[in-house]
Amino acid sequence: MAHTLSANKRIRQSEARRARNKSDKSKMKTSIKKYMGALATGDVQAAEMALRASISTIYSVAGKGVIHKNQAARRASRMAKKLNALKTSK
C-alpha cells in the first residue's frame, strides 16, 4: 500500500491508463479478427474494406503509444501481404 499522496495518485493514474490501453488493444484485436474472417470467406472486396479499417485502428492505437510503431507497421504489412496472396490466387 502506498504511503504518500503522490504514490496514491500514480496508482490511480496507472489504473486509468491500463484500462484505456486494454480497451484500445481489444478494439484493435477485434478489427483484426473481422479482417481475418473476411479473408477466410474469400470475398476480396469485403477483405479490402476490413483491411482499411483494421490498419486505421492499428495506427491509431500505435499513435497513442499502446503498441510500438514498428509493431503497427509489421502487423499492417503482414495483413496486406495476406490480402495480396488472396488476390493473386484468384
C-alpha atoms as a PDB file:
ATOM      1  CA  MET A   1       0.000   0.000   0.000  1.00  0.00           C
ATOM      2  CA  ALA A   2       1.333   3.424  -0.932  1.00  0.00           C
ATOM      3  CA  HIS A   3       2.040   5.879   1.859  1.00  0.00           C
ATOM      4  CA  THR A   4       2.352   9.224   0.098  1.00  0.00           C
ATOM      5  CA  LEU A   5      -0.242  11.232  -1.789  1.00  0.00           C
ATOM      6  CA  SER A   6       1.884  11.237  -4.922  1.00  0.00           C
ATOM      7  CA  ALA A   7       2.254   7.448  -4.841  1.00  0.00           C
ATOM      8  CA  ASN A   8      -1.506   7.061  -4.477  1.00  0.00           C
ATOM      9  CA  LYS A   9      -2.023   9.410  -7.410  1.00  0.00           C
ATOM     10  CA  ARG A  10       0.416   7.399  -9.552  1.00  0.00           C
ATOM     11  CA  ILE A  11      -1.528   4.232  -8.725  1.00  0.00           C
ATOM     12  CA  ARG A  12      -4.807   5.884  -9.790  1.00  0.00           C
ATOM     13  CA  GLN A  13      -3.227   7.180 -12.998  1.00  0.00           C
ATOM     14  CA  SER A  14      -1.683   3.805 -13.809  1.00  0.00           C
ATOM     15  CA  GLU A  15      -5.013   2.032 -13.361  1.00  0.00           C
ATOM     16  CA  ALA A  16      -6.787   4.525 -15.623  1.00  0.00           C
ATOM     17  CA  ARG A  17      -4.094   4.155 -18.302  1.00  0.00           C
ATOM     18  CA  ARG A  18      -4.152   0.359 -18.040  1.00  0.00           C
ATOM     19  CA  ALA A  19      -7.929   0.310 -18.553  1.00  0.00           C
ATOM     20  CA  ARG A  20      -7.677   2.665 -21.529  1.00  0.00           C
ATOM     21  CA  ASN A  21      -4.846   0.666 -23.102  1.00  0.00           C
ATOM     22  CA  LYS A  22      -6.727  -2.596 -22.583  1.00  0.00           C
ATOM     23  CA  SER A  23      -9.780  -1.148 -24.319  1.00  0.00           C
ATOM     24  CA  ASP A  24      -7.747   0.130 -27.263  1.00  0.00           C
ATOM     25  CA  LYS A  25      -5.869  -3.152 -27.629  1.00  0.00           C
ATOM     26  CA  SER A  26      -9.135  -5.088 -27.542  1.00  0.00           C
ATOM     27  CA  LYS A  27     -10.597  -2.818 -30.230  1.00  0.00           C
ATOM     28  CA  MET A  28      -7.526  -3.448 -32.397  1.00  0.00           C
ATOM     29  CA  LYS A  29      -7.699  -7.220 -31.949  1.00  0.00           C
ATOM     30  CA  THR A  30     -11.410  -7.244 -32.798  1.00  0.00           C
ATOM     31  CA  SER A  31     -10.829  -5.336 -36.041  1.00  0.00           C
ATOM     32  CA  ILE A  32      -8.041  -7.760 -36.979  1.00  0.00           C
ATOM     33  CA  LYS A  33     -10.342 -10.733 -36.318  1.00  0.00           C
ATOM     34  CA  LYS A  34     -13.025  -9.181 -38.530  1.00  0.00           C
ATOM     35  CA  TYR A  35     -10.446  -8.794 -41.298  1.00  0.00           C
ATOM     36  CA  MET A  36      -9.290 -12.392 -40.906  1.00  0.00           C
ATOM     37  CA  GLY A  37     -12.901 -13.553 -41.082  1.00  0.00           C
ATOM     38  CA  ALA A  38     -13.471 -11.596 -44.285  1.00  0.00           C
ATOM     39  CA  LEU A  39     -10.243 -13.021 -45.665  1.00  0.00           C
ATOM     40  CA  ALA A  40     -11.327 -16.573 -44.827  1.00  0.00           C
ATOM     41  CA  THR A  41     -14.559 -16.195 -46.793  1.00  0.00           C
ATOM     42  CA  GLY A  42     -12.546 -15.294 -49.884  1.00  0.00           C
ATOM     43  CA  ASP A  43     -14.508 -12.098 -50.574  1.00  0.00           C
ATOM     44  CA  VAL A  44     -11.805  -9.717 -51.799  1.00  0.00           C
ATOM     45  CA  GLN A  45     -13.887  -6.543 -51.586  1.00  0.00           C
ATOM     46  CA  ALA A  46     -15.023  -7.216 -48.026  1.00  0.00           C
ATOM     47  CA  ALA A  47     -11.456  -8.082 -47.070  1.00  0.00           C
ATOM     48  CA  GLU A  48     -10.157  -4.826 -48.561  1.00  0.00           C
ATOM     49  CA  MET A  49     -12.704  -2.783 -46.614  1.00  0.00           C
ATOM     50  CA  ALA A  50     -11.879  -4.660 -43.410  1.00  0.00           C
ATOM     51  CA  LEU A  51      -8.152  -4.206 -44.078  1.00  0.00           C
ATOM     52  CA  ARG A  52      -8.530  -0.433 -44.367  1.00  0.00           C
ATOM     53  CA  ALA A  53     -10.489  -0.293 -41.123  1.00  0.00           C
ATOM     54  CA  SER A  54      -8.010  -2.563 -39.329  1.00  0.00           C
ATOM     55  CA  ILE A  55      -4.950  -0.636 -40.456  1.00  0.00           C
ATOM     56  CA  SER A  56      -6.571   2.613 -39.387  1.00  0.00           C
ATOM     57  CA  THR A  57      -7.293   1.162 -35.958  1.00  0.00           C
ATOM     58  CA  ILE A  58      -3.795  -0.286 -35.632  1.00  0.00           C
ATOM     59  CA  TYR A  59      -2.083   3.005 -36.427  1.00  0.00           C
ATOM     60  CA  SER A  60      -4.383   4.981 -34.125  1.00  0.00           C
ATOM     61  CA  VAL A  61      -3.515   2.602 -31.275  1.00  0.00           C
ATOM     62  CA  ALA A  62       0.188   2.971 -32.100  1.00  0.00           C
ATOM     63  CA  GLY A  63      -0.179   6.742 -32.109  1.00  0.00           C
ATOM     64  CA  LYS A  64      -1.473   6.568 -28.546  1.00  0.00           C
ATOM     65  CA  GLY A  65       1.573   4.539 -27.506  1.00  0.00           C
ATOM     66  CA  VAL A  66      -0.315   1.351 -26.686  1.00  0.00           C
ATOM     67  CA  ILE A  67       1.800  -0.615 -29.162  1.00  0.00           C
ATOM     68  CA  HIS A  68       5.101   0.346 -30.767  1.00  0.00           C
ATOM     69  CA  LYS A  69       5.038   1.993 -34.185  1.00  0.00           C
ATOM     70  CA  ASN A  70       7.194  -0.780 -35.652  1.00  0.00           C
ATOM     71  CA  GLN A  71       4.774  -3.393 -34.371  1.00  0.00           C
ATOM     72  CA  ALA A  72       1.931  -1.490 -36.026  1.00  0.00           C
ATOM     73  CA  ALA A  73       3.830  -1.378 -39.320  1.00  0.00           C
ATOM     74  CA  ARG A  74       4.649  -5.077 -39.088  1.00  0.00           C
ATOM     75  CA  ARG A  75       1.036  -6.054 -38.412  1.00  0.00           C
ATOM     76  CA  ALA A  76      -0.262  -3.879 -41.250  1.00  0.00           C
ATOM     77  CA  SER A  77       2.341  -5.245 -43.643  1.00  0.00           C
ATOM     78  CA  ARG A  78       1.539  -8.867 -42.852  1.00  0.00           C
ATOM     79  CA  MET A  79      -2.183  -8.250 -43.220  1.00  0.00           C
ATOM     80  CA  ALA A  80      -1.713  -6.590 -46.615  1.00  0.00           C
ATOM     81  CA  LYS A  81       0.536  -9.449 -47.676  1.00  0.00           C
ATOM     82  CA  LYS A  82      -2.227 -11.946 -46.920  1.00  0.00           C
ATOM     83  CA  LEU A  83      -4.736  -9.945 -48.962  1.00  0.00           C
ATOM     84  CA  ASN A  84      -2.327  -9.758 -51.902  1.00  0.00           C
ATOM     85  CA  ALA A  85      -1.807 -13.514 -51.724  1.00  0.00           C
ATOM     86  CA  LEU A  86      -5.584 -13.974 -51.890  1.00  0.00           C
ATOM     87  CA  LYS A  87      -5.827 -11.676 -54.909  1.00  0.00           C
ATOM     88  CA  THR A  88      -3.103 -13.490 -56.839  1.00  0.00           C
ATOM     89  CA  SER A  89      -4.596 -16.914 -56.090  1.00  0.00           C
ATOM     90  CA  LYS A  90      -7.924 -15.923 -57.665  1.00  0.00           C
END
